[in-house]
Amino acid sequence: MKRTRQILVRAICHCLYTKLWHLRRPATTETLAETPKQMHWLWFLFLSAVGAAATAVTFDELLDAEWQHFKALHAKKYDDAVMDTFRKKIFMQNSHMIIKHNIRHAKGEVSYRLRMNQFGDMLHHEFTSKMNGLLRINRTRTGSAWIEPESITLPRSIDWRKKGAVTPVKNQGHCGSCWAFSTTGALEGQIFRKTRKLVSLSEQNLIDCSSKYGNHGCNGGLIDFAFEYIKRNKGIDTEKAYPYEGKDGLPCRYTVESRGGEDTGFVDIPSGSEAALTKALATVGPISVAIDASHESFQFYHNGIYNPPDCDNEKLDHGVLAVGYGTTDDGDDYYIIKNSWGTTWGQDGYIFMARNSENECGIATQASYPLV
């Protein structure tokens, strides 16, 4: 009987929790601007259900049910009971942080929501060390100069996904290879614009073969270093021929017969200029960008326009791909950013980041794209 009540209460709470935070509708201005009034109503229902649950199961039992659900959903297994307990405590702490943040969102205090995801059992420093792989080094930018297009009227919005220039969201796994995914994404877009064919390119090729240009595989790299490798190598293989393995230390297996594309160099967009970045997105295609993704809020981002107050525009640690921009019905500008953490993170693998907001999170600090 107790087990039956527990399952029933958990189902009620989970349905409401899903309605609150697990909304997986297509990303539109409507989903970015859902009203706080709606959220207050859902919170009332959620808290009412929790109150009713108090007579059916204990709080600890409810938490344990959530933990078991998380492990089953994300296929989590641990070596022993000690590690299971340790990861459970982290999961509970992260859940508490997410709920507190989303209460603030319901009150209209923040513009984006968080959601539990596959990273819920990781300490934040573990997460950033494994997932954020952009090298932090001072270097002179060596790309070609950006030539600003003249006499053009920029569209109010653009989304290169709708034009067929963006491959499906990929997953870097527990390998700091974000730089490689940003590189391939930009080159895939440029090749599509030139040939009208969308070809998925090999990140593993870059991990295995570009070390002499300054990259360090799963321990980090720079997008421009990868563009330089592709230029000097006169090509990069397709994903199909050279599939992703998510680890380094493997021999370089590039073959010219499997080449999926090449670049002749790259262009560095003026550092810090959002105007130039927006023009490049409108006229060139998807753009490689680097950002500060060092915050817990980024780890658990779900939807809305991301603009944390403490985001740095110089301390960049993550490479991603800008694939468009737009403005909500409320007048809030945003960039559409493709990440490489799979589709269960964010808005089906994407994040909407604040635009025209003083270079929020360094979005325009290291923007570049390849020449083909």
Protein backbone atom coordinates (compact mmCIF):
# COMPACT_ATOMS: atom_id res chain seq x y z
CA MET A 1 0.00 0.00 0.00
CA LYS A 2 2.80 2.36 0.94
CA ARG A 3 4.57 1.63 -2.34
CA THR A 4 1.35 2.33 -4.28
CA ARG A 5 0.84 5.69 -2.55
CA GLN A 6 4.46 6.61 -3.19
CA ILE A 7 4.17 5.86 -6.90
CA LEU A 8 0.90 7.79 -7.16
CA VAL A 9 2.18 10.87 -5.36
CA ARG A 10 5.42 10.81 -7.26
CA ALA A 11 3.51 10.64 -10.54
CA ILE A 12 1.41 13.68 -9.58
CA CYS A 13 4.44 15.69 -8.51
CA HIS A 14 6.45 14.61 -11.51
CA CYS A 15 3.71 15.63 -13.95
CA LEU A 16 3.50 19.08 -12.40
CA TYR A 17 7.27 19.34 -12.17
CA THR A 18 7.46 18.38 -15.83
CA LYS A 19 4.97 21.11 -16.70
CA LEU A 20 7.02 23.60 -14.74
CA TRP A 21 10.53 22.87 -15.91
CA HIS A 22 10.62 20.18 -18.56
CA LEU A 23 8.81 22.10 -21.29
CA ARG A 24 10.26 20.91 -24.59
CA ARG A 25 8.36 22.98 -27.13
CA PRO A 26 10.12 24.40 -30.19
CA ALA A 27 12.12 27.52 -29.39
CA THR A 28 9.99 30.55 -30.29
CA THR A 29 9.54 34.04 -28.98
CA GLU A 30 6.49 32.69 -27.14
CA THR A 31 8.51 30.10 -25.22
CA LEU A 32 11.09 32.73 -24.41
CA ALA A 33 8.48 35.06 -22.98
CA GLU A 34 6.07 32.84 -20.99
CA THR A 35 4.41 35.03 -18.41
CA PRO A 36 5.17 34.92 -14.68
CA LYS A 37 1.39 34.77 -14.05
CA GLN A 38 1.22 31.33 -15.67
CA MET A 39 4.18 30.18 -13.63
CA HIS A 40 2.61 31.35 -10.35
CA TRP A 41 -0.46 29.23 -11.10
CA LEU A 42 1.64 26.15 -11.81
CA TRP A 43 3.59 26.71 -8.60
CA PHE A 44 0.31 26.81 -6.67
CA LEU A 45 -0.66 23.42 -8.11
CA PHE A 46 2.79 21.97 -7.45
CA LEU A 47 2.92 23.11 -3.82
CA SER A 48 -0.63 21.89 -3.26
CA ALA A 49 0.36 18.44 -4.49
CA VAL A 50 3.40 18.42 -2.23
CA GLY A 51 1.17 19.33 0.71
CA ALA A 52 -1.17 16.49 -0.08
CA ALA A 53 1.77 14.13 -0.37
CA ALA A 54 2.85 14.77 3.20
CA THR A 55 0.29 12.30 4.53
CA ALA A 56 1.20 9.62 2.00
CA VAL A 57 4.99 9.40 1.95
CA THR A 58 7.88 10.91 3.83
CA PHE A 59 10.01 13.65 2.31
CA ASP A 60 13.02 11.33 2.24
CA GLU A 61 11.04 8.73 0.32
CA LEU A 62 9.99 11.32 -2.22
CA LEU A 63 13.59 12.46 -2.68
CA ASP A 64 14.77 8.89 -3.05
CA ALA A 65 12.14 8.30 -5.72
CA GLU A 66 13.42 11.33 -7.64
CA TRP A 67 16.98 10.03 -7.32
CA GLN A 68 16.02 6.59 -8.62
CA HIS A 69 14.17 8.22 -11.52
CA PHE A 70 17.22 10.37 -12.37
CA LYS A 71 19.53 7.35 -12.40
CA ALA A 72 17.17 5.34 -14.58
CA LEU A 73 16.55 8.22 -17.00
CA HIS A 74 20.26 8.91 -17.56
CA ALA A 75 21.56 5.33 -17.13
CA LYS A 76 23.68 6.27 -14.12
CA LYS A 77 25.61 3.51 -12.34
CA TYR A 78 28.13 3.85 -9.52
CA ASP A 79 30.85 1.57 -8.20
CA ASP A 80 29.42 1.15 -4.70
CA ALA A 81 26.88 2.42 -2.17
CA VAL A 82 29.27 5.06 -0.86
CA MET A 83 29.61 6.66 -4.29
CA ASP A 84 25.86 6.37 -4.84
CA THR A 85 25.22 8.28 -1.60
CA PHE A 86 27.84 10.89 -2.51
CA ARG A 87 26.31 11.50 -5.94
CA LYS A 88 22.81 11.56 -4.46
CA LYS A 89 23.80 14.41 -2.13
CA ILE A 90 25.17 16.37 -5.09
CA PHE A 91 21.97 15.70 -7.03
CA MET A 92 19.88 16.99 -4.12
CA GLN A 93 22.00 20.13 -3.80
CA ASN A 94 21.71 20.82 -7.52
CA SER A 95 17.94 20.19 -7.41
CA HIS A 96 17.59 22.69 -4.57
CA MET A 97 19.60 25.29 -6.50
CA ILE A 98 17.46 24.78 -9.62
CA ILE A 99 14.18 25.13 -7.70
CA LYS A 100 15.37 28.31 -5.95
CA HIS A 101 16.38 29.83 -9.29
CA ASN A 102 13.10 28.91 -10.95
CA ILE A 103 11.11 30.47 -8.11
CA ARG A 104 12.97 33.68 -8.93
CA HIS A 105 12.03 33.22 -12.58
CA ALA A 106 8.38 32.76 -11.61
CA LYS A 107 8.58 36.09 -9.78
CA GLY A 108 10.00 37.75 -12.89
CA GLU A 109 13.42 38.33 -11.31
CA VAL A 110 15.45 36.42 -13.94
CA SER A 111 14.86 35.86 -17.65
CA TYR A 112 15.77 32.19 -17.99
CA ARG A 113 14.89 28.85 -16.42
CA LEU A 114 17.03 25.98 -15.25
CA ARG A 115 16.26 22.26 -15.42
CA MET A 116 17.75 19.06 -14.06
CA ASN A 117 19.72 17.20 -16.73
CA GLN A 118 22.34 14.50 -17.16
CA PHE A 119 24.91 16.61 -15.30
CA GLY A 120 22.89 16.66 -12.07
CA ASP A 121 25.19 14.33 -10.14
CA MET A 122 28.35 16.34 -10.86
CA LEU A 123 30.05 18.94 -8.69
CA HIS A 124 30.36 22.16 -10.63
CA HIS A 125 34.17 22.11 -10.77
CA GLU A 126 34.01 18.53 -12.08
CA PHE A 127 31.60 19.65 -14.75
CA THR A 128 33.62 22.61 -16.00
CA SER A 129 36.88 20.65 -16.05
CA LYS A 130 35.32 17.93 -18.22
CA MET A 131 32.97 19.92 -20.44
CA ASN A 132 34.57 23.34 -21.00
CA GLY A 133 37.67 22.88 -23.11
CA LEU A 134 38.59 26.26 -24.56
CA LEU A 135 42.23 27.16 -23.90
CA ARG A 136 42.74 30.36 -21.93
CA ILE A 137 45.87 31.86 -23.44
CA ASN A 138 46.89 35.33 -24.51
CA ARG A 139 47.62 35.34 -28.22
CA THR A 140 47.62 37.68 -31.16
CA ARG A 141 44.72 36.97 -33.46
CA THR A 142 46.11 35.92 -36.84
CA GLY A 143 43.03 35.63 -39.03
CA SER A 144 42.17 37.82 -41.98
CA ALA A 145 40.60 41.18 -41.19
CA TRP A 146 36.82 41.47 -41.21
CA ILE A 147 35.55 43.56 -44.11
CA GLU A 148 32.23 45.02 -43.09
CA PRO A 149 29.51 44.79 -45.74
CA GLU A 150 28.22 48.15 -46.89
CA SER A 151 24.73 49.40 -47.69
CA ILE A 152 22.83 46.41 -46.38
CA THR A 153 19.65 46.25 -44.38
CA LEU A 154 19.98 43.57 -41.73
CA PRO A 155 17.03 41.23 -41.27
CA ARG A 156 15.24 41.52 -37.94
CA SER A 157 16.07 37.87 -37.34
CA ILE A 158 17.89 34.99 -38.99
CA ASP A 159 18.10 31.29 -38.21
CA TRP A 160 20.56 29.25 -40.28
CA ARG A 161 18.95 26.03 -39.05
CA LYS A 162 15.89 26.87 -41.13
CA LYS A 163 18.09 27.43 -44.18
CA GLY A 164 19.65 23.97 -43.91
CA ALA A 165 23.14 25.12 -42.92
CA VAL A 166 23.34 23.47 -39.49
CA THR A 167 23.87 19.78 -38.69
CA PRO A 168 21.97 18.14 -35.80
CA VAL A 169 23.18 18.82 -32.25
CA LYS A 170 26.17 16.64 -31.37
CA ASN A 171 27.52 15.44 -28.02
CA GLN A 172 31.15 15.85 -27.01
CA GLY A 173 30.78 13.52 -23.99
CA HIS A 174 33.21 13.89 -21.09
CA CYS A 175 35.92 15.34 -23.33
CA GLY A 176 36.97 18.99 -23.42
CA SER A 177 36.61 19.15 -27.20
CA CYS A 178 34.09 21.99 -27.49
CA TRP A 179 36.57 23.87 -29.67
CA ALA A 180 36.45 21.07 -32.27
CA PHE A 181 32.64 21.11 -32.44
CA SER A 182 32.55 24.88 -32.84
CA THR A 183 35.11 24.58 -35.65
CA THR A 184 33.27 21.89 -37.59
CA GLY A 185 29.94 23.69 -37.16
CA ALA A 186 31.24 26.88 -38.75
CA LEU A 187 32.92 25.01 -41.61
CA GLU A 188 29.84 22.86 -42.22
CA GLY A 189 27.84 26.06 -42.62
CA GLN A 190 30.29 27.63 -45.06
CA ILE A 191 30.52 24.48 -47.17
CA PHE A 192 26.72 24.36 -47.30
CA ARG A 193 26.52 27.96 -48.46
CA LYS A 194 29.02 27.23 -51.23
CA THR A 195 27.80 23.81 -52.40
CA ARG A 196 24.22 23.60 -51.03
CA LYS A 197 25.24 20.27 -49.47
CA LEU A 198 25.31 19.78 -45.70
CA VAL A 199 28.11 17.42 -44.69
CA SER A 200 28.87 16.52 -41.07
CA LEU A 201 32.61 16.89 -40.42
CA SER A 202 34.88 14.98 -38.04
CA GLU A 203 35.69 16.44 -34.63
CA GLN A 204 37.80 13.36 -33.85
CA ASN A 205 39.99 14.25 -36.83
CA LEU A 206 40.76 17.57 -35.14
CA ILE A 207 41.33 15.97 -31.72
CA ASP A 208 43.78 13.42 -33.14
CA CYS A 209 45.63 15.52 -35.68
CA SER A 210 45.90 19.20 -34.72
CA SER A 211 48.17 19.05 -31.67
CA LYS A 212 51.18 20.58 -33.43
CA TYR A 213 49.07 23.66 -34.12
CA GLY A 214 48.48 24.21 -30.40
CA ASN A 215 45.45 22.08 -29.56
CA HIS A 216 45.37 19.49 -26.77
CA GLY A 217 42.57 17.11 -27.65
CA CYS A 218 40.20 16.52 -24.73
CA ASN A 219 42.29 18.89 -22.62
CA GLY A 220 41.33 21.92 -24.67
CA GLY A 221 42.08 23.84 -27.82
CA LEU A 222 41.31 26.96 -29.82
CA ILE A 223 39.00 27.28 -32.78
CA ASP A 224 41.43 29.34 -34.85
CA PHE A 225 44.15 26.72 -34.29
CA ALA A 226 41.77 24.14 -35.74
CA PHE A 227 41.00 26.32 -38.76
CA GLU A 228 44.75 26.66 -39.31
CA TYR A 229 45.23 22.88 -39.17
CA ILE A 230 42.50 22.32 -41.76
CA LYS A 231 44.09 24.91 -44.04
CA ARG A 232 47.60 23.43 -43.75
CA ASN A 233 46.31 19.86 -44.01
CA LYS A 234 44.21 20.82 -47.03
CA GLY A 235 41.18 19.09 -45.60
CA ILE A 236 39.17 17.48 -42.83
CA ASP A 237 37.44 14.11 -43.03
CA THR A 238 33.71 13.50 -42.81
CA GLU A 239 32.08 12.39 -39.56
CA LYS A 240 30.96 9.20 -41.28
CA ALA A 241 34.49 8.22 -42.30
CA TYR A 242 36.17 9.39 -39.07
CA PRO A 243 33.56 9.01 -36.29
CA TYR A 244 33.72 10.63 -32.89
CA GLU A 245 35.22 8.63 -29.99
CA GLY A 246 35.43 11.31 -27.30
CA LYS A 247 38.99 10.55 -26.24
CA ASP A 248 42.48 11.62 -27.16
CA GLY A 249 45.85 9.90 -27.43
CA LEU A 250 44.81 8.12 -30.61
CA PRO A 251 46.86 8.23 -33.84
CA CYS A 252 45.89 10.62 -36.61
CA ARG A 253 43.88 8.68 -39.18
CA TYR A 254 43.05 11.39 -41.71
CA THR A 255 42.81 10.22 -45.30
CA VAL A 256 42.36 12.49 -48.29
CA GLU A 257 39.90 10.01 -49.81
CA SER A 258 37.49 10.71 -46.93
CA ARG A 259 37.85 14.47 -47.03
CA GLY A 260 34.60 16.31 -46.40
CA GLY A 261 35.84 19.86 -46.84
CA GLU A 262 38.66 22.34 -46.37
CA ASP A 263 39.28 26.00 -45.66
CA THR A 264 41.70 28.52 -47.11
CA GLY A 265 42.03 30.49 -43.90
CA PHE A 266 39.74 32.24 -41.46
CA VAL A 267 38.42 35.67 -40.53
CA ASP A 268 38.59 37.13 -37.04
CA ILE A 269 35.62 39.39 -36.34
CA PRO A 270 36.61 42.58 -34.42
CA SER A 271 36.87 41.64 -30.77
CA GLY A 272 33.97 42.81 -28.63
CA SER A 273 31.89 44.16 -31.52
CA GLU A 274 28.37 42.79 -31.35
CA ALA A 275 27.44 44.92 -34.34
CA ALA A 276 30.06 43.13 -36.43
CA LEU A 277 29.03 39.72 -35.07
CA THR A 278 25.38 40.38 -35.93
CA LYS A 279 26.30 41.53 -39.45
CA ALA A 280 28.46 38.44 -39.94
CA LEU A 281 25.62 36.19 -38.82
CA ALA A 282 23.27 37.89 -41.26
CA THR A 283 25.61 37.84 -44.26
CA VAL A 284 28.15 35.03 -43.76
CA GLY A 285 26.45 32.16 -41.92
CA PRO A 286 27.04 30.32 -38.64
CA ILE A 287 29.91 31.84 -36.64
CA SER A 288 32.29 30.21 -34.15
CA VAL A 289 32.23 32.02 -30.81
CA ALA A 290 33.80 31.55 -27.39
CA ILE A 291 31.95 32.31 -24.15
CA ASP A 292 32.19 32.28 -20.38
CA ALA A 293 30.26 29.12 -19.49
CA SER A 294 31.71 28.73 -16.00
CA HIS A 295 28.47 29.22 -14.06
CA GLU A 296 26.13 26.68 -12.49
CA SER A 297 23.29 28.38 -14.30
CA PHE A 298 24.88 27.42 -17.62
CA GLN A 299 25.28 23.81 -16.52
CA PHE A 300 21.51 23.53 -15.96
CA TYR A 301 20.16 26.06 -18.48
CA HIS A 302 16.77 25.11 -19.94
CA ASN A 303 15.21 28.06 -21.79
CA GLY A 304 14.75 31.82 -21.83
CA ILE A 305 17.38 34.46 -22.59
CA TYR A 306 20.59 33.75 -20.69
CA ASN A 307 22.12 36.87 -19.13
CA PRO A 308 23.64 36.18 -15.69
CA PRO A 309 24.94 39.34 -14.00
CA ASP A 310 28.38 37.92 -13.22
CA CYS A 311 29.26 36.61 -16.70
CA ASP A 312 32.77 37.64 -17.81
CA ASN A 313 33.57 38.87 -21.33
CA GLU A 314 37.28 38.03 -21.18
CA LYS A 315 37.60 34.78 -19.18
CA LEU A 316 36.27 32.50 -21.90
CA ASP A 317 36.22 28.73 -21.39
CA HIS A 318 33.80 27.21 -23.91
CA GLY A 319 33.53 27.12 -27.69
CA VAL A 320 30.06 27.12 -29.28
CA LEU A 321 28.38 28.06 -32.57
CA ALA A 322 26.18 31.09 -33.20
CA VAL A 323 23.54 30.09 -35.76
CA GLY A 324 21.21 33.08 -35.69
CA TYR A 325 19.71 35.98 -33.81
CA GLY A 326 16.35 37.58 -33.15
CA THR A 327 14.19 39.69 -30.86
CA THR A 328 11.33 38.58 -28.61
CA ASP A 329 7.89 40.16 -28.72
CA ASP A 330 8.92 42.06 -25.59
CA GLY A 331 11.87 43.61 -27.42
CA ASP A 332 14.65 41.50 -25.90
CA ASP A 333 17.48 40.74 -28.35
CA TYR A 334 19.12 37.31 -28.38
CA TYR A 335 21.58 35.04 -30.20
CA ILE A 336 20.74 31.43 -31.05
CA ILE A 337 23.67 29.30 -29.88
CA LYS A 338 24.30 25.65 -30.72
CA ASN A 339 26.06 23.73 -27.95
CA SER A 340 27.70 20.30 -28.10
CA TRP A 341 26.24 18.63 -24.99
CA GLY A 342 23.47 16.67 -26.67
CA THR A 343 19.78 17.45 -27.03
CA THR A 344 18.83 16.81 -23.39
CA TRP A 345 20.65 19.98 -22.35
CA GLY A 346 19.11 23.41 -22.82
CA GLN A 347 16.44 24.02 -25.47
CA ASP A 348 16.98 20.80 -27.44
CA GLY A 349 20.73 21.42 -27.32
CA TYR A 350 20.58 25.20 -27.89
CA ILE A 351 20.83 28.26 -25.66
CA PHE A 352 19.48 31.75 -26.27
CA MET A 353 22.02 34.33 -25.11
CA ALA A 354 21.51 38.05 -24.59
CA ARG A 355 22.37 40.23 -27.60
CA ASN A 356 23.27 43.93 -27.55
CA SER A 357 24.00 43.57 -23.84
CA GLU A 358 27.58 44.87 -23.59
CA ASN A 359 29.15 41.69 -24.99
CA GLU A 360 27.45 39.44 -22.42
CA CYS A 361 29.59 36.41 -21.52
CA GLY A 362 32.18 37.46 -24.14
CA ILE A 363 30.01 36.30 -27.04
CA ALA A 364 31.78 38.71 -29.44
CA THR A 365 35.29 38.56 -27.95
CA GLN A 366 36.69 35.68 -30.06
CA ALA A 367 34.27 35.29 -32.97
CA SER A 368 35.59 33.86 -36.24
CA TYR A 369 34.63 31.88 -39.32
CA PRO A 370 36.50 29.89 -42.01
CA LEU A 371 37.02 30.89 -45.62
CA VAL A 372 36.16 28.31 -48.27
